[in-house]
Amino acid sequence: MRTHLCAHLDRSFIDAEVKLCGWAQRRRDHGGVIFIDLRDRSGMVQVVIDPDRPTAFEIAESVRNEFVLRIVGKVRLRPEGTINSRIPTGEVEVLAVDLEILNACDPLPFQIDDEDATEAVRLRYRYLDLPGGTHAGEHSIASSSDPCDPYLPGRERVC
C-alpha cells in the first residue's frame, strides 16, 4: 500500500515514484492547484495536485482535514522561493498522479493543530490528539512496547 514514510523523502528521491498513506493535515487551493500537507507517524510532506490529472483533482477538491489518504506520485524539488526550512521535507514535494480517500472524516470540534483550543475542549476530545497531535509522542512510546513487536518484524504502523 505504501512504499515510503513522509519524513523520509528528501533530495535523494527526486524523480522517484512513491506511494504514501497518511492524514490530510491541511488542504489549500491556490489558483487551480491544490496543495495537501500529508502527515503520517514520521512527519509531513507537501503534495501537489494539478488539474492536468482530472480524476485526482476532483477527489482532492472534496478532501478535508484529517481525511486518510493514499497518494501515488513523483517526488520533485519545490520551486525556488517555496522551500520550507521549518520541516525536514521542505525542499521537496510530491506531484500526485493518483489520489484515493481511504477514510473520510466528519467535521472536527476543533483543528488538531489549533493551539488556541481550550484545555477543556482538548480533554473532552483527547482521542483526537493521539494520531498526530501534541500527545502523539506518548502514544508512539506505548506502541513500541507492544508485545506483538517480536512477531511482526519490519511491519509499519499507521499511527
C-alpha atoms as a PDB file:
ATOM      1  CA  MET A   1       0.000   0.000   0.000  1.00  0.00           C
ATOM      2  CA  ARG A   2       2.841   2.414   0.845  1.00  0.00           C
ATOM      3  CA  THR A   3       6.481   2.493  -0.230  1.00  0.00           C
ATOM      4  CA  HIS A   4       7.795   5.340   1.935  1.00  0.00           C
ATOM      5  CA  LEU A   5       7.060   7.362   5.042  1.00  0.00           C
ATOM      6  CA  CYS A   6       6.521  11.093   4.551  1.00  0.00           C
ATOM      7  CA  ALA A   7       9.506  12.320   6.585  1.00  0.00           C
ATOM      8  CA  HIS A   8      11.948  10.067   4.711  1.00  0.00           C
ATOM      9  CA  LEU A   9      11.584  11.987   1.447  1.00  0.00           C
ATOM     10  CA  ASP A  10      14.448  14.303   0.543  1.00  0.00           C
ATOM     11  CA  ARG A  11      16.589  15.336  -2.456  1.00  0.00           C
ATOM     12  CA  SER A  12      17.794  11.765  -2.938  1.00  0.00           C
ATOM     13  CA  PHE A  13      14.269  10.744  -4.033  1.00  0.00           C
ATOM     14  CA  ILE A  14      13.927  13.295  -6.859  1.00  0.00           C
ATOM     15  CA  ASP A  15      12.020  11.744  -9.815  1.00  0.00           C
ATOM     16  CA  ALA A  16      11.197   8.612  -7.790  1.00  0.00           C
ATOM     17  CA  GLU A  17       7.641   7.307  -7.734  1.00  0.00           C
ATOM     18  CA  VAL A  18       6.358   6.959  -4.174  1.00  0.00           C
ATOM     19  CA  LYS A  19       3.209   5.656  -2.531  1.00  0.00           C
ATOM     20  CA  LEU A  20       2.275   7.448   0.681  1.00  0.00           C
ATOM     21  CA  CYS A  21      -0.524   6.996   3.197  1.00  0.00           C
ATOM     22  CA  GLY A  22      -1.491   9.437   5.912  1.00  0.00           C
ATOM     23  CA  TRP A  23      -3.792  12.115   7.218  1.00  0.00           C
ATOM     24  CA  ALA A  24      -4.553  15.379   5.420  1.00  0.00           C
ATOM     25  CA  GLN A  25      -3.142  17.937   7.858  1.00  0.00           C
ATOM     26  CA  ARG A  26      -4.209  20.894   5.737  1.00  0.00           C
ATOM     27  CA  ARG A  27      -5.642  21.470   2.247  1.00  0.00           C
ATOM     28  CA  ARG A  28      -5.069  24.677   0.288  1.00  0.00           C
ATOM     29  CA  ASP A  29      -6.431  25.716  -3.109  1.00  0.00           C
ATOM     30  CA  HIS A  30      -4.211  28.228  -4.922  1.00  0.00           C
ATOM     31  CA  GLY A  31      -5.303  29.304  -8.369  1.00  0.00           C
ATOM     32  CA  GLY A  32      -6.394  25.916  -9.608  1.00  0.00           C
ATOM     33  CA  VAL A  33      -3.609  23.909  -7.977  1.00  0.00           C
ATOM     34  CA  ILE A  34      -4.427  22.077  -4.738  1.00  0.00           C
ATOM     35  CA  PHE A  35      -1.844  21.524  -2.004  1.00  0.00           C
ATOM     36  CA  ILE A  36      -2.267  18.940   0.752  1.00  0.00           C
ATOM     37  CA  ASP A  37       0.072  18.651   3.726  1.00  0.00           C
ATOM     38  CA  LEU A  38       0.124  14.880   4.206  1.00  0.00           C
ATOM     39  CA  ARG A  39       1.055  13.649   7.695  1.00  0.00           C
ATOM     40  CA  ASP A  40       1.963  10.179   8.888  1.00  0.00           C
ATOM     41  CA  ARG A  41       3.652   8.952  12.062  1.00  0.00           C
ATOM     42  CA  SER A  42       7.066  10.046  10.749  1.00  0.00           C
ATOM     43  CA  GLY A  43       6.283  13.620   9.736  1.00  0.00           C
ATOM     44  CA  MET A  44       4.786  15.643   6.924  1.00  0.00           C
ATOM     45  CA  VAL A  45       5.282  16.301   3.193  1.00  0.00           C
ATOM     46  CA  GLN A  46       3.546  18.644   0.768  1.00  0.00           C
ATOM     47  CA  VAL A  47       1.527  17.014  -2.020  1.00  0.00           C
ATOM     48  CA  VAL A  48       0.594  18.949  -5.173  1.00  0.00           C
ATOM     49  CA  ILE A  49      -2.486  18.025  -7.191  1.00  0.00           C
ATOM     50  CA  ASP A  50      -2.519  19.560 -10.657  1.00  0.00           C
ATOM     51  CA  PRO A  51      -5.698  19.987 -12.758  1.00  0.00           C
ATOM     52  CA  ASP A  52      -3.899  18.033 -15.521  1.00  0.00           C
ATOM     53  CA  ARG A  53      -4.925  14.917 -13.537  1.00  0.00           C
ATOM     54  CA  PRO A  54      -8.719  15.461 -13.525  1.00  0.00           C
ATOM     55  CA  THR A  55      -9.622  12.355 -11.508  1.00  0.00           C
ATOM     56  CA  ALA A  56      -7.119  13.092  -8.726  1.00  0.00           C
ATOM     57  CA  PHE A  57      -8.022  16.796  -8.823  1.00  0.00           C
ATOM     58  CA  GLU A  58     -11.743  16.093  -8.432  1.00  0.00           C
ATOM     59  CA  ILE A  59     -11.065  13.851  -5.435  1.00  0.00           C
ATOM     60  CA  ALA A  60      -8.696  16.454  -3.923  1.00  0.00           C
ATOM     61  CA  GLU A  61     -11.434  19.090  -4.101  1.00  0.00           C
ATOM     62  CA  SER A  62     -13.502  17.048  -1.635  1.00  0.00           C
ATOM     63  CA  VAL A  63     -10.657  16.403   0.849  1.00  0.00           C
ATOM     64  CA  ARG A  64     -10.942  17.988   4.296  1.00  0.00           C
ATOM     65  CA  ASN A  65      -8.625  17.982   7.287  1.00  0.00           C
ATOM     66  CA  GLU A  66      -7.934  14.559   8.822  1.00  0.00           C
ATOM     67  CA  PHE A  67      -9.147  12.543   5.825  1.00  0.00           C
ATOM     68  CA  VAL A  68      -6.979   9.422   5.471  1.00  0.00           C
ATOM     69  CA  LEU A  69      -5.408   9.373   2.015  1.00  0.00           C
ATOM     70  CA  ARG A  70      -3.282   7.195  -0.227  1.00  0.00           C
ATOM     71  CA  ILE A  71      -1.173   9.141  -2.711  1.00  0.00           C
ATOM     72  CA  VAL A  72       0.846   7.849  -5.646  1.00  0.00           C
ATOM     73  CA  GLY A  73       3.156  10.471  -7.073  1.00  0.00           C
ATOM     74  CA  LYS A  74       6.569  11.639  -8.163  1.00  0.00           C
ATOM     75  CA  VAL A  75       8.986  13.458  -5.870  1.00  0.00           C
ATOM     76  CA  ARG A  76      10.304  16.773  -7.192  1.00  0.00           C
ATOM     77  CA  LEU A  77      12.152  19.810  -5.871  1.00  0.00           C
ATOM     78  CA  ARG A  78       9.965  22.653  -4.712  1.00  0.00           C
ATOM     79  CA  PRO A  79      10.141  25.740  -6.933  1.00  0.00           C
ATOM     80  CA  GLU A  80      12.603  28.461  -5.947  1.00  0.00           C
ATOM     81  CA  GLY A  81      11.248  30.607  -3.130  1.00  0.00           C
ATOM     82  CA  THR A  82       8.819  27.978  -1.825  1.00  0.00           C
ATOM     83  CA  ILE A  83      11.273  25.900   0.213  1.00  0.00           C
ATOM     84  CA  ASN A  84      10.099  25.430   3.805  1.00  0.00           C
ATOM     85  CA  SER A  85      13.156  25.182   6.064  1.00  0.00           C
ATOM     86  CA  ARG A  86      10.957  24.518   9.125  1.00  0.00           C
ATOM     87  CA  ILE A  87      10.271  20.898   8.147  1.00  0.00           C
ATOM     88  CA  PRO A  88      12.746  18.162   7.122  1.00  0.00           C
ATOM     89  CA  THR A  89      10.923  17.558   3.815  1.00  0.00           C
ATOM     90  CA  GLY A  90      10.769  21.273   2.999  1.00  0.00           C
ATOM     91  CA  GLU A  91      12.952  21.025  -0.110  1.00  0.00           C
ATOM     92  CA  VAL A  92      10.703  18.535  -1.897  1.00  0.00           C
ATOM     93  CA  GLU A  93       7.071  17.965  -2.753  1.00  0.00           C
ATOM     94  CA  VAL A  94       5.134  15.091  -4.284  1.00  0.00           C
ATOM     95  CA  LEU A  95       3.292  15.687  -7.550  1.00  0.00           C
ATOM     96  CA  ALA A  96       0.246  13.420  -7.253  1.00  0.00           C
ATOM     97  CA  VAL A  97      -0.570  11.042 -10.076  1.00  0.00           C
ATOM     98  CA  ASP A  98      -3.280   9.167  -8.182  1.00  0.00           C
ATOM     99  CA  LEU A  99      -5.239  10.026  -5.044  1.00  0.00           C
ATOM    100  CA  GLU A 100      -7.526   7.772  -3.044  1.00  0.00           C
ATOM    101  CA  ILE A 101      -9.591   8.586   0.039  1.00  0.00           C
ATOM    102  CA  LEU A 102      -9.194   5.648   2.407  1.00  0.00           C
ATOM    103  CA  ASN A 103     -11.392   7.179   5.099  1.00  0.00           C
ATOM    104  CA  ALA A 104     -13.366  10.401   5.292  1.00  0.00           C
ATOM    105  CA  CYS A 105     -13.616  12.420   8.489  1.00  0.00           C
ATOM    106  CA  ASP A 106     -16.608  14.221   9.922  1.00  0.00           C
ATOM    107  CA  PRO A 107     -16.032  17.892  10.756  1.00  0.00           C
ATOM    108  CA  LEU A 108     -13.916  18.156  13.909  1.00  0.00           C
ATOM    109  CA  PRO A 109     -14.862  20.144  17.027  1.00  0.00           C
ATOM    110  CA  PHE A 110     -11.509  21.961  16.754  1.00  0.00           C
ATOM    111  CA  GLN A 111      -8.474  21.999  14.472  1.00  0.00           C
ATOM    112  CA  ILE A 112      -5.884  19.483  15.677  1.00  0.00           C
ATOM    113  CA  ASP A 113      -3.029  21.969  15.234  1.00  0.00           C
ATOM    114  CA  ASP A 114      -5.001  24.849  16.814  1.00  0.00           C
ATOM    115  CA  GLU A 115      -3.077  25.969  19.881  1.00  0.00           C
ATOM    116  CA  ASP A 116      -5.975  28.243  20.870  1.00  0.00           C
ATOM    117  CA  ALA A 117      -8.308  25.313  21.619  1.00  0.00           C
ATOM    118  CA  THR A 118      -9.104  25.372  25.328  1.00  0.00           C
ATOM    119  CA  GLU A 119      -7.893  22.667  27.674  1.00  0.00           C
ATOM    120  CA  ALA A 120     -11.499  21.701  28.430  1.00  0.00           C
ATOM    121  CA  VAL A 121     -12.204  21.080  24.738  1.00  0.00           C
ATOM    122  CA  ARG A 122      -8.942  19.130  24.296  1.00  0.00           C
ATOM    123  CA  LEU A 123      -9.741  16.964  27.331  1.00  0.00           C
ATOM    124  CA  ARG A 124     -13.238  16.241  26.089  1.00  0.00           C
ATOM    125  CA  TYR A 125     -11.888  15.182  22.673  1.00  0.00           C
ATOM    126  CA  ARG A 126      -8.485  13.901  23.839  1.00  0.00           C
ATOM    127  CA  TYR A 127      -8.574  10.960  21.429  1.00  0.00           C
ATOM    128  CA  LEU A 128      -8.112  13.466  18.582  1.00  0.00           C
ATOM    129  CA  ASP A 129      -4.623  14.359  19.848  1.00  0.00           C
ATOM    130  CA  LEU A 130      -3.348  10.765  19.704  1.00  0.00           C
ATOM    131  CA  PRO A 131      -2.750  10.165  15.961  1.00  0.00           C
ATOM    132  CA  GLY A 132      -0.614  13.245  15.389  1.00  0.00           C
ATOM    133  CA  GLY A 133      -1.426  15.960  17.851  1.00  0.00           C
ATOM    134  CA  THR A 134       0.600  17.251  20.743  1.00  0.00           C
ATOM    135  CA  HIS A 135       0.393  13.919  22.596  1.00  0.00           C
ATOM    136  CA  ALA A 136       1.453  11.707  19.677  1.00  0.00           C
ATOM    137  CA  GLY A 137       4.878  11.110  21.222  1.00  0.00           C
ATOM    138  CA  GLU A 138       3.332   9.498  24.286  1.00  0.00           C
ATOM    139  CA  HIS A 139       1.308   7.189  22.050  1.00  0.00           C
ATOM    140  CA  SER A 140       4.322   6.092  19.981  1.00  0.00           C
ATOM    141  CA  ILE A 141       6.231   5.159  23.150  1.00  0.00           C
ATOM    142  CA  ALA A 142       3.339   2.914  24.193  1.00  0.00           C
ATOM    143  CA  SER A 143       3.213   1.378  20.700  1.00  0.00           C
ATOM    144  CA  SER A 144       6.909   0.498  20.776  1.00  0.00           C
ATOM    145  CA  SER A 145       6.329  -1.668  23.855  1.00  0.00           C
ATOM    146  CA  ASP A 146       3.618  -3.696  22.111  1.00  0.00           C
ATOM    147  CA  PRO A 147       4.007  -7.435  22.878  1.00  0.00           C
ATOM    148  CA  CYS A 148       3.322  -8.235  19.194  1.00  0.00           C
ATOM    149  CA  ASP A 149       6.501  -6.440  18.034  1.00  0.00           C
ATOM    150  CA  PRO A 150       8.736  -9.564  18.087  1.00  0.00           C
ATOM    151  CA  TYR A 151       6.208 -11.400  15.919  1.00  0.00           C
ATOM    152  CA  LEU A 152       5.756  -8.669  13.336  1.00  0.00           C
ATOM    153  CA  PRO A 153       9.297  -7.538  12.444  1.00  0.00           C
ATOM    154  CA  GLY A 154       9.530  -4.800   9.836  1.00  0.00           C
ATOM    155  CA  ARG A 155       5.802  -4.046   9.894  1.00  0.00           C
ATOM    156  CA  GLU A 156       4.925  -0.363   9.884  1.00  0.00           C
ATOM    157  CA  ARG A 157       2.043   1.034  11.906  1.00  0.00           C
ATOM    158  CA  VAL A 158      -0.299   3.730  10.684  1.00  0.00           C
ATOM    159  CA  CYS A 159      -0.143   5.685  13.962  1.00  0.00           C
END
